[in-house]
């Protein structure tokens, strides 16, 4: 039954899932850093140390992606109100431009997370470093991206597929 109490519980449950998922994601990166540095620090303390930097990096990256998309979406909506044909044409151009923009931004910010965790940089510093590292190397970063994605898909098919049959 859909009532105020159930909706409130659903919102609380979803928020808890998001917060716990975010914290565990940060913890997994922290555990990798601790293993690479061969430190015997407490995983919870190390995760807490990285948590705010990780959160600020995610917020900044989301703003870098979403603000231009929102601005251009507003312009396209304005074109629809002015003229339907111009709006439709601008929508097609918008979709193509946003695909190119999103691919470029994802590739340019590809190394921000390793810079944050491995080098201990701030959120802004890791974004700057990732941007500078990928300048002029987008094709190579795209290749690395595809190799990592391919390896992940391959391992998932080896490990995940047999597990699906057990349920």
Foldseek 3Di string as FASTA:
>chain_A
DDDPVVVVVVVVVVVVVVVVVLLVVLLVLQVVLCVVVVHPDDSVVSSVVLSVQSVVLVVVLCCVLPVVLVVLVVVLVVLCVVDVVSSVVSVVVSVVVSVVVVLVSCLLLVQLVVCCNNVVDGSVVSSVVSNVVCVVPSVVSVVVVVVVVVVVVVVCCVPVVVVVVVD
